[in-house]
Amino acid sequence: MKKIILGFLAVLFAASVFAMPGFESYILDRSGTYVYYRDYSFERESYIGILTYDEATFQIRYYAPKDEKSMLPEKEVALLLSINPEAVYWQMTGEKIISQILPNDDSLDILNYLHDILYEFSARRIKIGELNPKTDGYVLGNDFWENGIKASQEYPQFGGKVTISFDCMIPLFNLKSITAADGSTALQVCVIGDLKSDDDVSFESFKGFKEVPSETITKNAQIYKKAKSLKNTFANHSVTIDSNWTTFPDSATFCVLNDDAVITMVETPKCADDPIKNDMMILGGYITSIYYHYINLLTCDIVYNDKNNSYKIIYNSYPQDPDDYANYIYAVEILTKNERGGFDFFSLSTYKRAYLANRSYFEKIIKSYK
C-alpha cells in the first residue's frame, strides 16, 4: 500500500508532455496517460478507455464484464492507431485491431463506434476552444462533478441534444461527462490512469468496478478496540493514533496498523507558479490510478475548505480483479496549502474491510489530524 501512495507523487512530475491535435490543454498530457469512461448507452455494463503512448500513438478499448444474469460473456474490442500530431484535427494515419473480432456478433459495430468516439471527442473539444479556469462559464468550486464548463450540443450517438461537461483535470480530450436531455447520465469518466513503465499493462487489465455487500467484505475483519493514545508528528503535521499502530523512530512520515492501514504525512512541493494550475495539477495527480489499482472517480469526493485552505479527497480504489474484494482500498487524503506554495499532505489509507468494520475508529483518527 505504501508503494501506491508514493507513486502518486511520481505522477506529478512525469516527463514527455504534449498537446493534442487542434487544441492545447491547460494541463498538458503525458505519455502513458489514459482515461476510462462508463458508457451507459449500452444495455450492458460497458467501459470505453483511451490511452496515449505518445503524441502520435493511441489505443482505444471497449470492455464489458461478464453478465451472468443476462448470460453475456466478457467482451473486449481494442484498436491501436496512429495519428498526425501536426494536424489541426483528429487525422488517423494507421490502425491495427489488437483484440479478437468475431464476425457473427456486434464486434464490428463496436469497432465503428470506437472510431466515432475519437473523432467526435476531438471535434467537440476543439469546438470549445481555449479551456481554463478563467474561461467564461467555468465553475471552480467545492464539488468535483460540478467543476468545469458545460456545453449544450447535438450528439446523435447519445440521443440528440446533450450537455457535455469539460474539465481541465481530465486528460486527453478534457471530457468529463455527457448528460442526455432527460437528465440521465450517458457517459461519465470513471478512471484517470498513468502507466509507470513500458511493461505496465494497467490499461489493458482494467475490468470495471464491482460493488460487494459490506457484510461480505468485512467477514473476518479485525476489530480494533481503544488503546493508549499517542501523537505522531512530522514537520508541522500531527495525528493522534494509539498503541495499536507501529511508528518508526527514524521516520515519522509513515505509521502502520498491522497489514490493515497506513498513515502518510509528507510535503508535496509546488509544481506550477500559477496557484490555480498548481492546485489542479496536484489534485489531478492524487486521483490518478497507478500500479494496477483503480480509483473509482464515480464515487470520489473532492471538497475544498476555505477556512484552512485545504482539500479533502475521499475515494475507493479497486484491484485488477474486481472480485478480489479483500484488496479494496478506502482512502482519505487532506492537502493543506503551505507557505512554500505546495501542500502538506496527510493520507489514511485502509483496506476497505478494515474501514467498514472500524469506521468510527478511523474517523476519529482522521479528525485528530492537525
Protein backbone atom coordinates (compact mmCIF):
# COMPACT_ATOMS: atom_id res chain seq x y z
CA MET A 1 0.00 0.00 0.00
CA LYS A 2 2.93 2.34 0.70
CA LYS A 3 4.08 1.86 -2.90
CA ILE A 4 0.68 3.02 -4.16
CA ILE A 5 0.80 6.19 -2.06
CA LEU A 6 4.35 7.12 -3.03
CA GLY A 7 3.52 6.53 -6.67
CA PHE A 8 1.06 9.42 -6.69
CA LEU A 9 3.97 11.82 -6.18
CA ALA A 10 5.74 10.39 -9.23
CA VAL A 11 2.69 11.12 -11.39
CA LEU A 12 3.02 14.82 -10.69
CA PHE A 13 6.46 15.09 -12.24
CA ALA A 14 6.23 12.73 -15.22
CA ALA A 15 8.05 13.84 -18.38
CA SER A 16 7.17 13.86 -22.10
CA VAL A 17 4.24 16.28 -22.11
CA PHE A 18 2.49 17.31 -25.33
CA ALA A 19 -0.66 18.85 -26.79
CA MET A 20 -3.46 17.05 -28.60
CA PRO A 21 -4.24 17.87 -32.28
CA GLY A 22 -6.22 21.08 -32.70
CA PHE A 23 -6.04 22.36 -29.13
CA GLU A 24 -3.67 22.72 -26.19
CA SER A 25 -4.90 21.62 -22.78
CA TYR A 26 -4.44 23.78 -19.70
CA ILE A 27 -2.57 20.81 -18.22
CA LEU A 28 -0.57 19.10 -20.97
CA ASP A 29 -0.91 15.36 -21.48
CA ARG A 30 1.84 12.85 -20.76
CA SER A 31 2.99 9.64 -22.41
CA GLY A 32 1.25 6.75 -20.68
CA THR A 33 -1.82 8.74 -19.61
CA TYR A 34 -5.18 7.03 -20.00
CA VAL A 35 -8.81 7.66 -19.19
CA TYR A 36 -11.79 5.31 -18.84
CA TYR A 37 -15.46 6.21 -19.18
CA ARG A 38 -18.53 4.31 -18.02
CA ASP A 39 -20.70 4.27 -21.13
CA TYR A 40 -24.40 3.99 -20.30
CA SER A 41 -25.54 3.95 -23.92
CA PHE A 42 -25.04 0.15 -23.97
CA GLU A 43 -27.64 -2.15 -22.47
CA ARG A 44 -24.93 -4.00 -20.54
CA GLU A 45 -22.24 -2.59 -18.21
CA SER A 46 -19.65 -1.08 -20.56
CA TYR A 47 -16.45 0.95 -20.42
CA ILE A 48 -14.51 2.92 -23.02
CA GLY A 49 -10.80 3.54 -22.41
CA ILE A 50 -8.38 5.79 -24.31
CA LEU A 51 -4.60 5.57 -23.84
CA THR A 52 -1.82 7.72 -25.29
CA TYR A 53 1.58 6.14 -25.79
CA ASP A 54 2.93 9.37 -27.25
CA GLU A 55 1.65 12.31 -29.29
CA ALA A 56 1.12 10.12 -32.36
CA THR A 57 0.10 6.70 -30.97
CA PHE A 58 -3.08 5.80 -29.11
CA GLN A 59 -5.17 2.83 -28.08
CA ILE A 60 -8.93 2.80 -27.60
CA ARG A 61 -10.60 -0.13 -25.86
CA TYR A 62 -14.15 -1.28 -25.20
CA TYR A 63 -14.64 -3.59 -22.24
CA ALA A 64 -17.74 -5.25 -20.79
CA PRO A 65 -17.53 -7.67 -17.85
CA LYS A 66 -19.33 -10.98 -17.86
CA ASP A 67 -23.04 -10.57 -17.20
CA GLU A 68 -24.28 -13.76 -15.57
CA LYS A 69 -27.86 -12.52 -15.20
CA SER A 70 -28.20 -11.87 -18.94
CA MET A 71 -25.86 -14.78 -19.80
CA LEU A 72 -23.45 -12.49 -21.68
CA PRO A 73 -19.74 -13.37 -21.83
CA GLU A 74 -16.92 -10.95 -21.07
CA LYS A 75 -16.23 -8.80 -24.13
CA GLU A 76 -13.30 -6.70 -25.33
CA VAL A 77 -12.66 -4.75 -28.53
CA ALA A 78 -9.35 -2.85 -28.79
CA LEU A 79 -7.75 -0.78 -31.51
CA LEU A 80 -4.20 0.56 -31.77
CA LEU A 81 -3.90 3.62 -34.01
CA SER A 82 -1.58 6.36 -35.16
CA ILE A 83 -2.45 9.98 -35.94
CA ASN A 84 -0.81 13.01 -37.48
CA PRO A 85 0.24 15.09 -34.44
CA GLU A 86 0.80 18.16 -36.63
CA ALA A 87 -2.79 18.21 -37.90
CA VAL A 88 -5.31 20.71 -36.54
CA TYR A 89 -7.95 17.98 -36.23
CA TRP A 90 -8.05 14.23 -35.48
CA GLN A 91 -6.38 12.70 -38.55
CA MET A 92 -5.76 8.97 -38.35
CA THR A 93 -2.79 7.63 -40.33
CA GLY A 94 -2.96 3.94 -39.44
CA GLU A 95 -4.72 1.38 -37.28
CA LYS A 96 -4.43 -2.20 -36.05
CA ILE A 97 -7.08 -4.31 -34.36
CA ILE A 98 -5.45 -5.90 -31.30
CA SER A 99 -8.38 -7.93 -29.98
CA GLN A 100 -10.34 -10.84 -31.36
CA ILE A 101 -13.13 -9.76 -33.69
CA LEU A 102 -15.92 -12.28 -34.15
CA PRO A 103 -17.88 -11.94 -37.41
CA ASN A 104 -21.24 -13.03 -36.02
CA ASP A 105 -21.59 -10.66 -33.07
CA ASP A 106 -21.54 -6.89 -32.57
CA SER A 107 -17.73 -6.53 -32.54
CA LEU A 108 -17.64 -4.68 -35.87
CA ASP A 109 -20.37 -2.29 -34.72
CA ILE A 110 -18.40 -1.58 -31.56
CA LEU A 111 -15.25 -1.05 -33.61
CA ASN A 112 -17.02 1.57 -35.71
CA TYR A 113 -18.36 3.15 -32.53
CA LEU A 114 -14.81 3.46 -31.16
CA HIS A 115 -13.76 5.25 -34.34
CA ASP A 116 -16.67 7.65 -33.93
CA ILE A 117 -15.82 8.30 -30.28
CA LEU A 118 -12.34 9.54 -31.14
CA TYR A 119 -13.45 11.78 -33.99
CA GLU A 120 -16.40 13.15 -32.01
CA PHE A 121 -14.47 13.77 -28.77
CA SER A 122 -11.76 15.57 -30.71
CA ALA A 123 -14.17 17.72 -32.75
CA ARG A 124 -16.24 18.67 -29.71
CA ARG A 125 -13.19 19.58 -27.64
CA ILE A 126 -11.76 21.69 -30.50
CA LYS A 127 -15.12 23.47 -30.76
CA ILE A 128 -14.79 24.60 -27.12
CA GLY A 129 -11.51 26.38 -27.90
CA GLU A 130 -9.40 27.68 -25.03
CA LEU A 131 -10.35 25.92 -21.80
CA ASN A 132 -9.04 27.04 -18.43
CA PRO A 133 -10.46 28.15 -15.05
CA LYS A 134 -10.76 31.73 -16.38
CA THR A 135 -12.93 30.72 -19.35
CA ASP A 136 -16.43 32.26 -19.24
CA GLY A 137 -18.81 29.90 -17.50
CA TYR A 138 -16.07 27.74 -15.94
CA VAL A 139 -17.06 26.61 -12.44
CA LEU A 140 -14.30 26.10 -9.90
CA GLY A 141 -15.92 25.29 -6.57
CA ASN A 142 -16.22 22.59 -3.93
CA ASP A 143 -17.89 19.87 -5.98
CA PHE A 144 -15.70 17.76 -8.29
CA TRP A 145 -18.61 16.83 -10.54
CA GLU A 146 -19.86 20.41 -10.88
CA ASN A 147 -16.42 21.85 -11.69
CA GLY A 148 -15.64 22.68 -15.30
CA ILE A 149 -17.68 24.14 -18.13
CA LYS A 150 -20.89 22.75 -19.63
CA ALA A 151 -21.75 22.96 -23.33
CA SER A 152 -25.07 22.11 -24.96
CA GLN A 153 -24.51 20.23 -28.24
CA GLU A 154 -26.27 17.86 -30.62
CA TYR A 155 -24.83 14.36 -30.32
CA PRO A 156 -26.88 11.72 -32.22
CA GLN A 157 -24.98 8.75 -30.74
CA PHE A 158 -26.25 9.79 -27.32
CA GLY A 159 -29.82 10.59 -28.27
CA GLY A 160 -29.66 14.09 -29.72
CA LYS A 161 -29.33 17.18 -27.58
CA VAL A 162 -26.88 16.63 -24.71
CA THR A 163 -24.91 18.60 -22.15
CA ILE A 164 -21.18 17.90 -22.24
CA SER A 165 -19.03 18.75 -19.23
CA PHE A 166 -15.37 19.60 -19.84
CA ASP A 167 -12.81 19.82 -17.02
CA CYS A 168 -9.11 20.77 -17.19
CA MET A 169 -8.28 18.00 -14.71
CA ILE A 170 -9.49 15.28 -17.10
CA PRO A 171 -6.69 14.31 -19.52
CA LEU A 172 -6.71 13.91 -23.30
CA PHE A 173 -10.00 15.47 -24.50
CA ASN A 174 -10.86 17.09 -21.13
CA LEU A 175 -14.31 15.50 -21.43
CA LYS A 176 -15.79 14.57 -18.05
CA SER A 177 -19.39 13.59 -18.69
CA ILE A 178 -22.28 13.62 -21.15
CA THR A 179 -25.81 14.15 -19.86
CA ALA A 180 -28.84 13.32 -22.01
CA ALA A 181 -31.79 15.69 -22.48
CA ASP A 182 -33.85 13.80 -19.89
CA GLY A 183 -31.15 14.37 -17.26
CA SER A 184 -29.77 10.83 -17.31
CA THR A 185 -26.03 10.23 -17.49
CA ALA A 186 -24.99 8.93 -20.90
CA LEU A 187 -21.24 8.75 -20.30
CA GLN A 188 -19.03 9.59 -17.32
CA VAL A 189 -15.32 9.48 -16.57
CA CYS A 190 -14.53 6.75 -14.04
CA VAL A 191 -10.72 6.37 -14.10
CA ILE A 192 -7.73 8.57 -14.83
CA GLY A 193 -4.58 6.49 -15.10
CA ASP A 194 -0.86 6.70 -15.70
CA LEU A 195 1.41 3.87 -16.89
CA LYS A 196 4.68 3.70 -14.96
CA SER A 197 6.85 1.62 -17.33
CA ASP A 198 6.93 0.05 -20.78
CA ASP A 199 5.70 -3.28 -19.40
CA ASP A 200 2.88 -1.75 -17.34
CA VAL A 201 -0.39 -3.22 -18.67
CA SER A 202 -2.73 -1.47 -16.23
CA PHE A 203 -4.74 -0.05 -19.12
CA GLU A 204 -5.39 -3.41 -20.76
CA SER A 205 -6.06 -5.03 -17.37
CA PHE A 206 -8.93 -2.78 -16.32
CA LYS A 207 -12.11 -4.81 -15.79
CA GLY A 208 -14.51 -2.31 -14.31
CA PHE A 209 -15.85 -1.99 -10.78
CA LYS A 210 -17.93 -4.32 -8.70
CA GLU A 211 -19.88 -3.39 -5.60
CA VAL A 212 -19.76 -6.10 -2.96
CA PRO A 213 -22.09 -6.18 0.11
CA SER A 214 -20.46 -4.78 3.25
CA GLU A 215 -21.12 -7.95 5.20
CA THR A 216 -19.13 -9.91 2.62
CA ILE A 217 -16.19 -7.50 2.66
CA THR A 218 -15.98 -7.31 6.47
CA LYS A 219 -16.09 -11.05 7.04
CA ASN A 220 -13.16 -11.98 9.34
CA ALA A 221 -12.01 -8.34 9.59
CA GLN A 222 -10.11 -7.46 12.76
CA ILE A 223 -11.89 -5.17 15.22
CA TYR A 224 -9.69 -2.53 16.85
CA LYS A 225 -10.50 -1.54 20.43
CA LYS A 226 -9.48 1.61 22.26
CA ALA A 227 -5.83 1.62 23.28
CA LYS A 228 -3.31 4.04 24.79
CA SER A 229 -3.24 7.27 22.77
CA LEU A 230 -0.06 8.64 21.27
CA LYS A 231 0.72 11.52 18.96
CA ASN A 232 2.73 11.04 15.78
CA THR A 233 4.37 14.23 14.48
CA PHE A 234 6.20 15.01 11.26
CA ALA A 235 7.33 18.59 10.50
CA ASN A 236 4.19 20.66 11.11
CA HIS A 237 1.81 17.68 10.89
CA SER A 238 0.42 15.73 13.82
CA VAL A 239 -2.12 12.96 14.19
CA THR A 240 -3.35 11.16 17.30
CA ILE A 241 -3.20 7.39 16.96
CA ASP A 242 -2.83 4.69 19.61
CA SER A 243 -0.64 1.78 20.62
CA ASN A 244 -2.26 -0.49 18.03
CA TRP A 245 -0.13 1.35 15.47
CA THR A 246 3.56 0.86 14.69
CA THR A 247 5.65 4.01 14.38
CA PHE A 248 9.19 4.36 13.09
CA PRO A 249 11.58 6.50 15.20
CA ASP A 250 13.85 7.21 12.23
CA SER A 251 10.91 8.36 10.09
CA ALA A 252 7.63 9.81 11.33
CA THR A 253 6.43 10.02 7.71
CA PHE A 254 4.70 6.65 7.99
CA CYS A 255 2.92 4.63 10.64
CA VAL A 256 1.10 1.36 10.06
CA LEU A 257 -1.75 -0.59 11.59
CA ASN A 258 -0.70 -4.20 11.09
CA ASP A 259 -1.48 -5.00 7.44
CA ASP A 260 -4.75 -3.05 7.52
CA ALA A 261 -3.85 0.62 7.19
CA VAL A 262 -1.07 3.16 6.70
CA ILE A 263 -0.86 6.84 7.58
CA THR A 264 1.35 9.06 5.45
CA MET A 265 2.44 12.63 6.20
CA VAL A 266 4.68 14.29 3.62
CA GLU A 267 5.08 17.58 1.78
CA THR A 268 4.03 17.84 -1.84
CA PRO A 269 6.15 20.56 -3.49
CA LYS A 270 4.81 23.25 -5.79
CA CYS A 271 4.75 22.19 -9.44
CA ALA A 272 3.39 25.35 -11.16
CA ASP A 273 3.75 29.08 -10.46
CA ASP A 274 0.09 29.81 -11.12
CA PRO A 275 -1.69 28.84 -7.85
CA ILE A 276 -4.87 27.54 -9.52
CA LYS A 277 -2.94 25.47 -12.05
CA ASN A 278 -0.70 24.21 -9.25
CA ASP A 279 -3.73 23.04 -7.25
CA MET A 280 -5.32 21.34 -10.25
CA MET A 281 -2.12 19.54 -11.22
CA ILE A 282 -1.54 18.26 -7.70
CA LEU A 283 -5.16 17.23 -7.12
CA GLY A 284 -5.17 15.51 -10.51
CA GLY A 285 -2.06 13.59 -9.50
CA TYR A 286 -3.70 12.30 -6.34
CA ILE A 287 -6.77 10.94 -8.15
CA THR A 288 -4.67 9.24 -10.83
CA SER A 289 -4.64 5.44 -10.79
CA ILE A 290 -1.36 3.50 -10.90
CA TYR A 291 0.10 0.08 -10.06
CA TYR A 292 -2.99 -1.96 -11.04
CA HIS A 293 -5.23 -0.23 -8.51
CA TYR A 294 -8.02 1.85 -9.98
CA ILE A 295 -9.50 4.89 -8.19
CA ASN A 296 -13.23 4.95 -8.88
CA LEU A 297 -13.99 8.57 -9.76
CA LEU A 298 -17.72 7.79 -9.86
CA THR A 299 -17.64 7.67 -6.04
CA CYS A 300 -14.80 10.15 -5.49
CA ASP A 301 -15.30 13.35 -3.48
CA ILE A 302 -13.02 16.40 -3.53
CA VAL A 303 -14.07 19.05 -1.01
CA TYR A 304 -12.39 22.42 -0.53
CA ASN A 305 -12.28 24.00 2.94
CA ASP A 306 -11.64 27.72 2.59
CA LYS A 307 -11.26 28.14 6.36
CA ASN A 308 -7.88 26.40 6.41
CA ASN A 309 -7.17 26.43 2.66
CA SER A 310 -7.23 22.67 2.30
CA TYR A 311 -8.68 19.96 0.07
CA LYS A 312 -10.11 16.66 1.28
CA ILE A 313 -10.15 13.76 -1.16
CA ILE A 314 -12.16 10.64 -0.39
CA TYR A 315 -12.08 7.67 -2.74
CA ASN A 316 -12.35 3.92 -3.17
CA SER A 317 -9.64 2.06 -5.08
CA TYR A 318 -10.10 -1.36 -6.64
CA PRO A 319 -7.61 -4.06 -7.71
CA GLN A 320 -7.25 -5.52 -11.19
CA ASP A 321 -9.63 -8.35 -10.30
CA PRO A 322 -12.98 -6.79 -9.26
CA ASP A 323 -13.79 -9.97 -7.31
CA ASP A 324 -10.69 -9.56 -5.13
CA TYR A 325 -12.65 -7.60 -2.52
CA ALA A 326 -10.02 -8.33 0.17
CA ASN A 327 -7.85 -5.77 -1.62
CA TYR A 328 -10.43 -2.99 -1.98
CA ILE A 329 -8.94 0.21 -0.54
CA TYR A 330 -10.63 3.19 1.10
CA ALA A 331 -8.59 6.39 1.44
CA VAL A 332 -8.96 9.86 2.90
CA GLU A 333 -6.37 12.47 1.90
CA ILE A 334 -6.04 16.03 3.20
CA LEU A 335 -3.90 18.57 1.35
CA THR A 336 -3.30 21.86 3.18
CA LYS A 337 -1.66 24.74 1.30
CA ASN A 338 1.65 25.74 2.88
CA GLU A 339 3.70 28.93 2.66
CA ARG A 340 6.01 27.43 0.03
CA GLY A 341 3.18 27.07 -2.47
CA GLY A 342 2.96 23.31 -2.13
CA PHE A 343 0.83 21.21 0.19
CA ASP A 344 1.22 19.45 3.50
CA PHE A 345 -0.18 16.03 2.63
CA PHE A 346 -1.91 13.60 5.00
CA SER A 347 -3.34 10.25 3.99
CA LEU A 348 -5.06 7.48 5.86
CA SER A 349 -5.37 4.52 3.52
CA THR A 350 -7.02 1.32 4.70
CA TYR A 351 -8.25 -1.90 3.25
CA LYS A 352 -11.97 -1.39 2.90
CA ARG A 353 -12.74 -4.43 5.05
CA ALA A 354 -10.89 -2.78 7.96
CA TYR A 355 -12.55 0.61 7.44
CA LEU A 356 -16.08 -0.77 7.25
CA ALA A 357 -15.52 -2.87 10.39
CA ASN A 358 -13.91 0.05 12.30
CA ARG A 359 -15.47 3.15 10.77
CA SER A 360 -15.70 5.27 13.94
CA TYR A 361 -12.17 4.23 14.96
CA PHE A 362 -10.65 5.51 11.72
CA GLU A 363 -12.84 8.63 11.51
CA LYS A 364 -11.67 9.66 15.00
CA ILE A 365 -8.04 9.42 13.80
CA ILE A 366 -8.79 11.46 10.68
CA LYS A 367 -10.49 14.19 12.76
CA SER A 368 -7.42 14.36 15.05
CA TYR A 369 -5.11 15.39 12.20
CA LYS A 370 -3.67 18.89 12.60
